[in-house]
C-alpha atoms as a PDB file:
ATOM      1  CA  MET A   1     -23.499  71.285  41.666  1.00  0.00           C
ATOM      2  CA  THR A   2     -22.057  67.834  40.680  1.00  0.00           C
ATOM      3  CA  PRO A   3     -24.922  65.432  40.304  1.00  0.00           C
ATOM      4  CA  ARG A   4     -25.235  62.492  42.778  1.00  0.00           C
ATOM      5  CA  ARG A   5     -24.239  59.044  41.519  1.00  0.00           C
ATOM      6  CA  GLU A   6     -27.629  57.489  42.001  1.00  0.00           C
ATOM      7  CA  ASN A   7     -29.229  60.251  39.864  1.00  0.00           C
ATOM      8  CA  LEU A   8     -26.887  59.587  36.808  1.00  0.00           C
ATOM      9  CA  THR A   9     -28.527  57.802  33.825  1.00  0.00           C
ATOM     10  CA  PRO A  10     -26.852  54.613  33.062  1.00  0.00           C
ATOM     11  CA  ALA A  11     -25.142  55.755  30.199  1.00  0.00           C
ATOM     12  CA  LEU A  12     -23.290  58.444  32.272  1.00  0.00           C
ATOM     13  CA  ARG A  13     -22.299  56.227  35.145  1.00  0.00           C
ATOM     14  CA  PRO A  14     -18.609  55.386  35.349  1.00  0.00           C
ATOM     15  CA  PRO A  15     -17.923  51.712  34.697  1.00  0.00           C
ATOM     16  CA  ALA A  16     -17.711  49.569  37.812  1.00  0.00           C
ATOM     17  CA  ALA A  17     -14.127  48.236  38.531  1.00  0.00           C
ATOM     18  CA  ARG A  18     -13.722  44.603  36.941  1.00  0.00           C
ATOM     19  CA  VAL A  19     -12.035  42.099  39.025  1.00  0.00           C
ATOM     20  CA  PRO A  20     -10.179  39.528  36.797  1.00  0.00           C
ATOM     21  CA  ARG A  21     -11.719  36.039  37.392  1.00  0.00           C
ATOM     22  CA  ALA A  22      -8.950  33.354  37.651  1.00  0.00           C
ATOM     23  CA  PHE A  23      -9.399  29.897  35.984  1.00  0.00           C
ATOM     24  CA  THR A  24     -10.939  27.322  38.264  1.00  0.00           C
ATOM     25  CA  LEU A  25      -9.006  24.049  39.119  1.00  0.00           C
ATOM     26  CA  ILE A  26     -11.801  22.167  37.085  1.00  0.00           C
ATOM     27  CA  GLU A  27     -11.082  24.410  33.899  1.00  0.00           C
ATOM     28  CA  LEU A  28      -7.205  23.964  34.245  1.00  0.00           C
ATOM     29  CA  LEU A  29      -7.675  20.186  34.494  1.00  0.00           C
ATOM     30  CA  THR A  30      -9.859  20.193  31.496  1.00  0.00           C
ATOM     31  CA  VAL A  31      -7.352  22.174  29.387  1.00  0.00           C
ATOM     32  CA  MET A  32      -4.620  19.979  30.595  1.00  0.00           C
ATOM     33  CA  LEU A  33      -6.502  16.782  29.516  1.00  0.00           C
ATOM     34  CA  ILE A  34      -7.296  18.074  26.266  1.00  0.00           C
ATOM     35  CA  LEU A  35      -3.717  18.934  25.494  1.00  0.00           C
ATOM     36  CA  ALA A  36      -2.740  15.528  26.442  1.00  0.00           C
ATOM     37  CA  ILE A  37      -5.232  13.901  24.287  1.00  0.00           C
ATOM     38  CA  LEU A  38      -4.169  16.103  21.232  1.00  0.00           C
ATOM     39  CA  SER A  39      -0.497  15.036  22.031  1.00  0.00           C
ATOM     40  CA  ALA A  40      -1.207  11.407  22.306  1.00  0.00           C
ATOM     41  CA  LEU A  41      -3.334  11.385  19.134  1.00  0.00           C
ATOM     42  CA  SER A  42      -0.530  13.305  17.139  1.00  0.00           C
ATOM     43  CA  LEU A  43       2.352  11.277  18.502  1.00  0.00           C
ATOM     44  CA  PRO A  44       1.967   8.313  16.008  1.00  0.00           C
ATOM     45  CA  ALA A  45       1.596  10.541  13.126  1.00  0.00           C
ATOM     46  CA  ALA A  46       4.713  12.458  14.130  1.00  0.00           C
ATOM     47  CA  ARG A  47       6.622   9.382  14.289  1.00  0.00           C
ATOM     48  CA  ALA A  48       5.324   8.066  10.955  1.00  0.00           C
ATOM     49  CA  LEU A  49       6.333  11.281   9.308  1.00  0.00           C
ATOM     50  CA  ALA A  50       9.838  10.941  10.796  1.00  0.00           C
ATOM     51  CA  LYS A  51      10.083   7.492   9.576  1.00  0.00           C
ATOM     52  CA  SER A  52       8.929   8.470   6.168  1.00  0.00           C
ATOM     53  CA  ASN A  53      11.534  11.473   6.131  1.00  0.00           C
ATOM     54  CA  ASN A  54      14.238   8.994   6.995  1.00  0.00           C
ATOM     55  CA  ARG A  55      13.283   6.542   4.058  1.00  0.00           C
ATOM     56  CA  ALA A  56      13.120   9.620   1.648  1.00  0.00           C
ATOM     57  CA  GLN A  57      16.477  10.813   2.902  1.00  0.00           C
ATOM     58  CA  ALA A  58      18.111   7.298   2.430  1.00  0.00           C
ATOM     59  CA  ALA A  59      16.569   7.130  -1.108  1.00  0.00           C
ATOM     60  CA  ASN A  60      18.149  10.370  -1.965  1.00  0.00           C
ATOM     61  CA  LEU A  61      21.673   9.065  -0.634  1.00  0.00           C
ATOM     62  CA  VAL A  62      21.228   5.631  -2.439  1.00  0.00           C
ATOM     63  CA  ARG A  63      20.340   7.550  -5.911  1.00  0.00           C
ATOM     64  CA  ALA A  64      23.375   9.860  -5.445  1.00  0.00           C
ATOM     65  CA  TYR A  65      25.616   6.814  -4.796  1.00  0.00           C
ATOM     66  CA  LEU A  66      24.501   4.749  -7.731  1.00  0.00           C
ATOM     67  CA  ALA A  67      24.743   7.808  -9.955  1.00  0.00           C
ATOM     68  CA  GLN A  68      28.514   8.115  -8.886  1.00  0.00           C
ATOM     69  CA  ALA A  69      29.130   4.470  -9.264  1.00  0.00           C
ATOM     70  CA  ARG A  70      27.645   4.508 -12.826  1.00  0.00           C
ATOM     71  CA  ALA A  71      29.872   7.434 -13.613  1.00  0.00           C
ATOM     72  CA  ILE A  72      32.964   5.752 -12.461  1.00  0.00           C
ATOM     73  CA  ALA A  73      31.985   2.666 -14.510  1.00  0.00           C
ATOM     74  CA  ILE A  74      31.723   4.930 -17.806  1.00  0.00           C
ATOM     75  CA  ALA A  75      34.981   7.020 -16.984  1.00  0.00           C
ATOM     76  CA  GLN A  76      37.202   3.961 -16.122  1.00  0.00           C
ATOM     77  CA  HIS A  77      35.609   1.559 -18.701  1.00  0.00           C
ATOM     78  CA  ARG A  78      35.179  -1.067 -16.075  1.00  0.00           C
ATOM     79  CA  GLN A  79      32.482  -2.623 -13.753  1.00  0.00           C
ATOM     80  CA  ALA A  80      31.566  -0.417 -10.811  1.00  0.00           C
ATOM     81  CA  GLY A  81      28.734  -0.449  -8.373  1.00  0.00           C
ATOM     82  CA  VAL A  82      27.323   0.150  -4.804  1.00  0.00           C
ATOM     83  CA  VAL A  83      27.338  -2.591  -2.158  1.00  0.00           C
ATOM     84  CA  PHE A  84      25.186  -2.200   0.974  1.00  0.00           C
ATOM     85  CA  PHE A  85      26.113  -3.954   4.197  1.00  0.00           C
ATOM     86  CA  GLU A  86      26.098  -3.848   8.054  1.00  0.00           C
ATOM     87  CA  GLU A  87      29.287  -3.424   9.800  1.00  0.00           C
ATOM     88  CA  THR A  88      30.766  -5.529  12.660  1.00  0.00           C
ATOM     89  CA  PRO A  89      33.743  -5.063  14.869  1.00  0.00           C
ATOM     90  CA  ALA A  90      35.300  -8.072  13.024  1.00  0.00           C
ATOM     91  CA  TYR A  91      35.961  -5.981   9.837  1.00  0.00           C
ATOM     92  CA  SER A  92      35.481  -2.267  10.715  1.00  0.00           C
ATOM     93  CA  LEU A  93      36.164  -0.171  13.589  1.00  0.00           C
ATOM     94  CA  PRO A  94      34.663   2.071  14.924  1.00  0.00           C
ATOM     95  CA  VAL A  95      31.417   0.552  14.049  1.00  0.00           C
ATOM     96  CA  ASN A  96      28.163   2.440  13.363  1.00  0.00           C
ATOM     97  CA  PRO A  97      25.359   0.456  15.146  1.00  0.00           C
ATOM     98  CA  ASP A  98      21.899   0.303  13.459  1.00  0.00           C
ATOM     99  CA  ARG A  99      23.488   1.844  10.459  1.00  0.00           C
ATOM    100  CA  THR A 100      23.472   0.379   7.025  1.00  0.00           C
ATOM    101  CA  ALA A 101      26.596   1.274   5.233  1.00  0.00           C
ATOM    102  CA  MET A 102      27.194   1.958   1.311  1.00  0.00           C
ATOM    103  CA  GLN A 103      30.582   1.484  -0.431  1.00  0.00           C
ATOM    104  CA  LEU A 104      31.599   2.095  -3.917  1.00  0.00           C
ATOM    105  CA  PHE A 105      33.403  -1.096  -5.518  1.00  0.00           C
ATOM    106  CA  VAL A 106      34.983  -1.658  -8.864  1.00  0.00           C
ATOM    107  CA  GLU A 107      36.088  -4.740 -10.982  1.00  0.00           C
ATOM    108  CA  ASP A 108      39.943  -5.384 -10.294  1.00  0.00           C
ATOM    109  CA  TYR A 109      41.841  -4.665 -13.378  1.00  0.00           C
ATOM    110  CA  ASP A 110      44.190  -7.719 -12.530  1.00  0.00           C
ATOM    111  CA  GLN A 111      41.802 -10.679 -12.391  1.00  0.00           C
ATOM    112  CA  ALA A 112      44.766 -13.135 -13.020  1.00  0.00           C
ATOM    113  CA  ARG A 113      46.094 -12.539  -9.550  1.00  0.00           C
ATOM    114  CA  HIS A 114      42.995 -14.002  -8.138  1.00  0.00           C
ATOM    115  CA  SER A 115      43.073 -17.270 -10.000  1.00  0.00           C
ATOM    116  CA  PRO A 116      41.553 -19.731  -9.974  1.00  0.00           C
ATOM    117  CA  ASN A 117      38.368 -17.745  -9.404  1.00  0.00           C
ATOM    118  CA  TYR A 118      35.892 -20.504 -10.952  1.00  0.00           C
ATOM    119  CA  GLY A 119      34.176 -17.798 -13.140  1.00  0.00           C
ATOM    120  CA  ASN A 120      33.840 -15.218 -10.444  1.00  0.00           C
ATOM    121  CA  THR A 121      34.731 -11.572 -11.143  1.00  0.00           C
ATOM    122  CA  VAL A 122      36.568 -10.155  -8.243  1.00  0.00           C
ATOM    123  CA  TYR A 123      35.736  -6.780  -7.027  1.00  0.00           C
ATOM    124  CA  ILE A 124      37.865  -4.225  -5.026  1.00  0.00           C
ATOM    125  CA  ALA A 125      37.098  -1.127  -2.988  1.00  0.00           C
ATOM    126  CA  TYR A 126      36.999   1.939  -5.081  1.00  0.00           C
ATOM    127  CA  SER A 127      37.898   3.902  -1.939  1.00  0.00           C
ATOM    128  CA  TYR A 128      37.590   3.132   1.792  1.00  0.00           C
ATOM    129  CA  THR A 129      35.123   6.011   2.288  1.00  0.00           C
ATOM    130  CA  ARG A 130      31.670   4.735   3.171  1.00  0.00           C
ATOM    131  CA  GLU A 131      28.375   6.500   3.454  1.00  0.00           C
ATOM    132  CA  TYR A 132      25.367   5.432   6.079  1.00  0.00           C
ATOM    133  CA  LEU A 133      21.835   5.479   5.862  1.00  0.00           C
ATOM    134  CA  PRO A 134      19.855   6.985   8.517  1.00  0.00           C
ATOM    135  CA  PRO A 135      19.696   5.007  11.685  1.00  0.00           C
ATOM    136  CA  GLY A 136      16.916   2.351  11.670  1.00  0.00           C
ATOM    137  CA  ILE A 137      16.719   2.359   7.759  1.00  0.00           C
ATOM    138  CA  LYS A 138      17.682  -1.116   6.157  1.00  0.00           C
ATOM    139  CA  VAL A 139      18.279  -2.203   2.659  1.00  0.00           C
ATOM    140  CA  ALA A 140      16.326  -5.233   0.837  1.00  0.00           C
ATOM    141  CA  ALA A 141      17.030  -6.163  -2.642  1.00  0.00           C
ATOM    142  CA  LEU A 142      15.599  -8.310  -5.447  1.00  0.00           C
ATOM    143  CA  ASN A 143      17.050 -11.707  -5.936  1.00  0.00           C
ATOM    144  CA  ASP A 144      17.787 -13.134  -9.525  1.00  0.00           C
ATOM    145  CA  ASP A 145      16.199 -16.448  -8.136  1.00  0.00           C
ATOM    146  CA  VAL A 146      12.450 -15.505  -8.507  1.00  0.00           C
ATOM    147  CA  SER A 147      11.531 -18.105  -5.883  1.00  0.00           C
ATOM    148  CA  ARG A 148      13.525 -16.399  -3.271  1.00  0.00           C
ATOM    149  CA  GLY A 149      11.854 -12.833  -4.043  1.00  0.00           C
ATOM    150  CA  VAL A 150      13.023  -9.874  -1.680  1.00  0.00           C
ATOM    151  CA  MET A 151      16.089 -10.473   0.249  1.00  0.00           C
ATOM    152  CA  THR A 152      17.005  -8.267   3.232  1.00  0.00           C
ATOM    153  CA  GLY A 153      20.507  -9.639   3.925  1.00  0.00           C
ATOM    154  CA  ASP A 154      19.529 -11.360   7.331  1.00  0.00           C
ATOM    155  CA  ASP A 155      17.358 -14.128   5.659  1.00  0.00           C
ATOM    156  CA  ASP A 156      20.028 -16.799   5.936  1.00  0.00           C
ATOM    157  CA  LYS A 157      23.556 -16.697   5.919  1.00  0.00           C
ATOM    158  CA  SER A 158      24.389 -20.624   5.691  1.00  0.00           C
ATOM    159  CA  ALA A 159      27.551 -21.244   3.506  1.00  0.00           C
ATOM    160  CA  ASN A 160      25.432 -23.289   0.899  1.00  0.00           C
ATOM    161  CA  ASN A 161      22.446 -20.974   0.719  1.00  0.00           C
ATOM    162  CA  SER A 162      22.592 -17.570  -0.579  1.00  0.00           C
ATOM    163  CA  ARG A 163      19.086 -16.230   0.492  1.00  0.00           C
ATOM    164  CA  GLY A 164      20.521 -13.258  -1.119  1.00  0.00           C
ATOM    165  CA  VAL A 165      22.938 -12.085   1.321  1.00  0.00           C
ATOM    166  CA  THR A 166      24.639  -9.596  -1.063  1.00  0.00           C
ATOM    167  CA  ARG A 167      22.935  -6.494  -1.794  1.00  0.00           C
ATOM    168  CA  ALA A 168      24.580  -4.709  -4.444  1.00  0.00           C
ATOM    169  CA  VAL A 169      24.060  -2.784  -7.819  1.00  0.00           C
ATOM    170  CA  LEU A 170      26.294  -3.252 -10.563  1.00  0.00           C
ATOM    171  CA  PHE A 171      27.153  -1.153 -13.884  1.00  0.00           C
ATOM    172  CA  ASP A 172      29.206  -2.352 -16.876  1.00  0.00           C
ATOM    173  CA  ALA A 173      31.595  -0.259 -18.631  1.00  0.00           C
ATOM    174  CA  SER A 174      28.865   1.449 -20.755  1.00  0.00           C
ATOM    175  CA  GLY A 175      26.863   2.335 -17.589  1.00  0.00           C
ATOM    176  CA  ALA A 176      24.017  -0.344 -18.254  1.00  0.00           C
ATOM    177  CA  MET A 177      23.003  -2.484 -15.267  1.00  0.00           C
ATOM    178  CA  ILE A 178      24.307  -5.903 -14.761  1.00  0.00           C
ATOM    179  CA  THR A 179      21.926  -8.601 -13.374  1.00  0.00           C
ATOM    180  CA  ARG A 180      24.470 -11.340 -12.467  1.00  0.00           C
ATOM    181  CA  ASN A 181      25.929 -13.499  -9.627  1.00  0.00           C
ATOM    182  CA  ALA A 182      29.398 -14.760  -9.417  1.00  0.00           C
ATOM    183  CA  MET A 183      30.597 -11.467  -7.424  1.00  0.00           C
ATOM    184  CA  ALA A 184      33.707 -12.135  -5.175  1.00  0.00           C
ATOM    185  CA  ARG A 185      36.262  -9.787  -3.398  1.00  0.00           C
ATOM    186  CA  PRO A 186      39.988 -10.851  -2.721  1.00  0.00           C
ATOM    187  CA  ASP A 187      40.650 -13.198   0.222  1.00  0.00           C
ATOM    188  CA  ILE A 188      41.299 -11.037   2.996  1.00  0.00           C
ATOM    189  CA  GLY A 189      42.510 -13.941   5.334  1.00  0.00           C
ATOM    190  CA  THR A 190      42.969 -13.454   8.958  1.00  0.00           C
ATOM    191  CA  ARG A 191      43.557  -9.860   9.817  1.00  0.00           C
ATOM    192  CA  PRO A 192      43.155  -7.872  13.336  1.00  0.00           C
ATOM    193  CA  PRO A 193      39.740  -6.148  13.640  1.00  0.00           C
ATOM    194  CA  GLY A 194      39.438  -2.856  11.760  1.00  0.00           C
ATOM    195  CA  THR A 195      42.636  -3.371   9.576  1.00  0.00           C
ATOM    196  CA  TYR A 196      42.940  -3.260   5.713  1.00  0.00           C
ATOM    197  CA  PRO A 197      40.807  -3.961   3.783  1.00  0.00           C
ATOM    198  CA  ARG A 198      38.152  -2.642   6.034  1.00  0.00           C
ATOM    199  CA  ALA A 199      34.650  -3.766   5.651  1.00  0.00           C
ATOM    200  CA  TYR A 200      35.308  -6.395   2.670  1.00  0.00           C
ATOM    201  CA  GLY A 201      34.133  -9.111   4.993  1.00  0.00           C
ATOM    202  CA  GLN A 202      30.884  -7.457   5.581  1.00  0.00           C
ATOM    203  CA  TRP A 203      30.087  -7.357   1.655  1.00  0.00           C
ATOM    204  CA  ASN A 204      29.147 -11.063   1.613  1.00  0.00           C
ATOM    205  CA  PHE A 205      30.637 -11.426  -1.780  1.00  0.00           C
ATOM    206  CA  ASN A 206      32.362 -14.550  -2.475  1.00  0.00           C
ATOM    207  CA  THR A 207      36.070 -15.080  -1.426  1.00  0.00           C
ATOM    208  CA  ALA A 208      38.281 -15.204  -4.539  1.00  0.00           C
ATOM    209  CA  GLY A 209      38.633 -18.876  -5.644  1.00  0.00           C
ATOM    210  CA  SER A 210      35.403 -19.996  -4.284  1.00  0.00           C
ATOM    211  CA  ASP A 211      32.957 -22.143  -6.244  1.00  0.00           C
ATOM    212  CA  LYS A 212      30.126 -20.898  -4.499  1.00  0.00           C
ATOM    213  CA  VAL A 213      29.131 -18.423  -7.191  1.00  0.00           C
ATOM    214  CA  HIS A 214      25.542 -18.106  -6.187  1.00  0.00           C
ATOM    215  CA  LEU A 215      26.353 -16.045  -3.024  1.00  0.00           C
ATOM    216  CA  GLY A 216      26.852 -12.873  -4.986  1.00  0.00           C
ATOM    217  CA  VAL A 217      23.913 -11.071  -6.683  1.00  0.00           C
ATOM    218  CA  SER A 218      23.524  -7.875  -8.395  1.00  0.00           C
ATOM    219  CA  SER A 219      19.979  -6.334  -7.954  1.00  0.00           C
ATOM    220  CA  PRO A 220      17.887  -3.988 -10.174  1.00  0.00           C
ATOM    221  CA  GLY A 221      15.720  -2.869  -7.233  1.00  0.00           C
ATOM    222  CA  ILE A 222      16.572  -1.531  -3.777  1.00  0.00           C
ATOM    223  CA  PHE A 223      13.984  -1.166  -1.021  1.00  0.00           C
ATOM    224  CA  LEU A 224      14.386   1.019   1.983  1.00  0.00           C
ATOM    225  CA  PHE A 225      12.483  -0.093   5.135  1.00  0.00           C
ATOM    226  CA  ASP A 226      12.168   0.776   8.730  1.00  0.00           C
ATOM    227  CA  ASN A 227      13.885  -2.251  10.673  1.00  0.00           C
ATOM    228  CA  ALA A 228      11.719  -1.789  13.811  1.00  0.00           C
ATOM    229  CA  GLU A 229       8.573  -2.321  11.901  1.00  0.00           C
ATOM    230  CA  TYR A 230       9.937  -5.417  10.061  1.00  0.00           C
ATOM    231  CA  ALA A 231      11.169  -6.855  13.332  1.00  0.00           C
ATOM    232  CA  ALA A 232       7.492  -6.122  14.729  1.00  0.00           C
ATOM    233  CA  ALA A 233       6.072  -8.087  11.826  1.00  0.00           C
ATOM    234  CA  ALA A 234       8.093 -11.176  13.178  1.00  0.00           C
ATOM    235  CA  ILE A 235       8.920 -12.668   9.759  1.00  0.00           C
ATOM    236  CA  PRO A 236      10.702 -15.906  10.066  1.00  0.00           C
ATOM    237  CA  ASP A 237      14.329 -15.889   8.451  1.00  0.00           C
ATOM    238  CA  GLY A 238      15.121 -18.089   5.521  1.00  0.00           C
ATOM    239  CA  PRO A 239      12.675 -20.117   3.595  1.00  0.00           C
ATOM    240  CA  ASP A 240       9.943 -19.896   6.179  1.00  0.00           C
ATOM    241  CA  GLY A 241       9.663 -16.324   5.767  1.00  0.00           C
ATOM    242  CA  ASP A 242       9.755 -16.049   1.969  1.00  0.00           C
ATOM    243  CA  ALA A 243       5.867 -15.987   1.561  1.00  0.00           C
ATOM    244  CA  ARG A 244       5.602 -12.999   3.857  1.00  0.00           C
ATOM    245  CA  ARG A 245       8.869 -11.095   3.409  1.00  0.00           C
ATOM    246  CA  GLY A 246       8.325  -9.957  -0.255  1.00  0.00           C
ATOM    247  CA  PRO A 247       4.712  -8.669   0.207  1.00  0.00           C
ATOM    248  CA  TRP A 248       5.567  -6.796   3.589  1.00  0.00           C
ATOM    249  CA  ILE A 249       8.703  -5.332   2.279  1.00  0.00           C
ATOM    250  CA  LYS A 250       6.968  -4.038  -0.991  1.00  0.00           C
ATOM    251  CA  GLN A 251       3.937  -2.575   1.169  1.00  0.00           C
ATOM    252  CA  HIS A 252       6.234  -0.724   3.597  1.00  0.00           C
ATOM    253  CA  ALA A 253       9.333   0.313   1.850  1.00  0.00           C
ATOM    254  CA  ASP A 254      10.570   3.182  -0.406  1.00  0.00           C
ATOM    255  CA  VAL A 255      12.045   1.761  -3.697  1.00  0.00           C
ATOM    256  CA  VAL A 256      14.947   2.705  -5.929  1.00  0.00           C
ATOM    257  CA  VAL A 257      14.565   0.905  -9.396  1.00  0.00           C
ATOM    258  CA  ILE A 258      17.174   0.928 -12.000  1.00  0.00           C
ATOM    259  CA  ASN A 259      16.723   0.578 -15.652  1.00  0.00           C
ATOM    260  CA  ALA A 260      18.408  -2.742 -16.555  1.00  0.00           C
ATOM    261  CA  ASN A 261      18.945  -1.586 -20.209  1.00  0.00           C
ATOM    262  CA  THR A 262      20.423   1.891 -19.617  1.00  0.00           C
ATOM    263  CA  GLY A 263      21.340   1.910 -16.030  1.00  0.00           C
ATOM    264  CA  GLY A 264      19.203   5.213 -15.272  1.00  0.00           C
ATOM    265  CA  ILE A 265      17.237   5.338 -12.192  1.00  0.00           C
ATOM    266  CA  LEU A 266      13.606   4.828 -12.797  1.00  0.00           C
ATOM    267  CA  GLN A 267      12.426   6.107  -9.522  1.00  0.00           C
END
């Protein structure tokens, strides 16, 4: 005889059917709120990491270009370097907005054709190939005038005040770094936008024959910073921003430093 269910001991009773319990609306809203809070907390960190990665990527590109320029200087036994500039439609088409360009340049073998050059050394493009830093990453450089400190290239572009508008690193024929001014480019004259010699006008070197030798500076240090953060700091252009510009750049930028004696990259 089959025993009746109520007479079974608890251990022998078949388990009762379990009905799955759904989440309540309150529980779902709580989970969604927690996820939203976690996302909000992690977003700034993710953005900061992305910016840091962009600066690190830019530093690697800069180091590679500097090494290439130094190798060219030694191989061809003439001065060579890297210039950093922002393109505009006046000299380069198509333009890469919000991108800092790098281009290799070399000392022109025939300096006589640029005479009179008032003591300038005239440089030409090694090639018309350019490399671009990640979007939003800009370049600042050390000025040979200590009172001017760090220059971003946007400080002051007036004709009689360099403010360090030229940002370049230059090596001599033995591969050692040159800290100098009096850097010039050929006079490009009036040409249609985007035509040869592309981007010369953005280099901010002197024009051959100019006596404004202070407009060209070769720097031993390159700072890579996020332009949006720099803009948010609202640092004035020109002399009014000198006291704040240098400390801000040094605290918020990745740096590539060149040994002025050997031309080797220190960091």
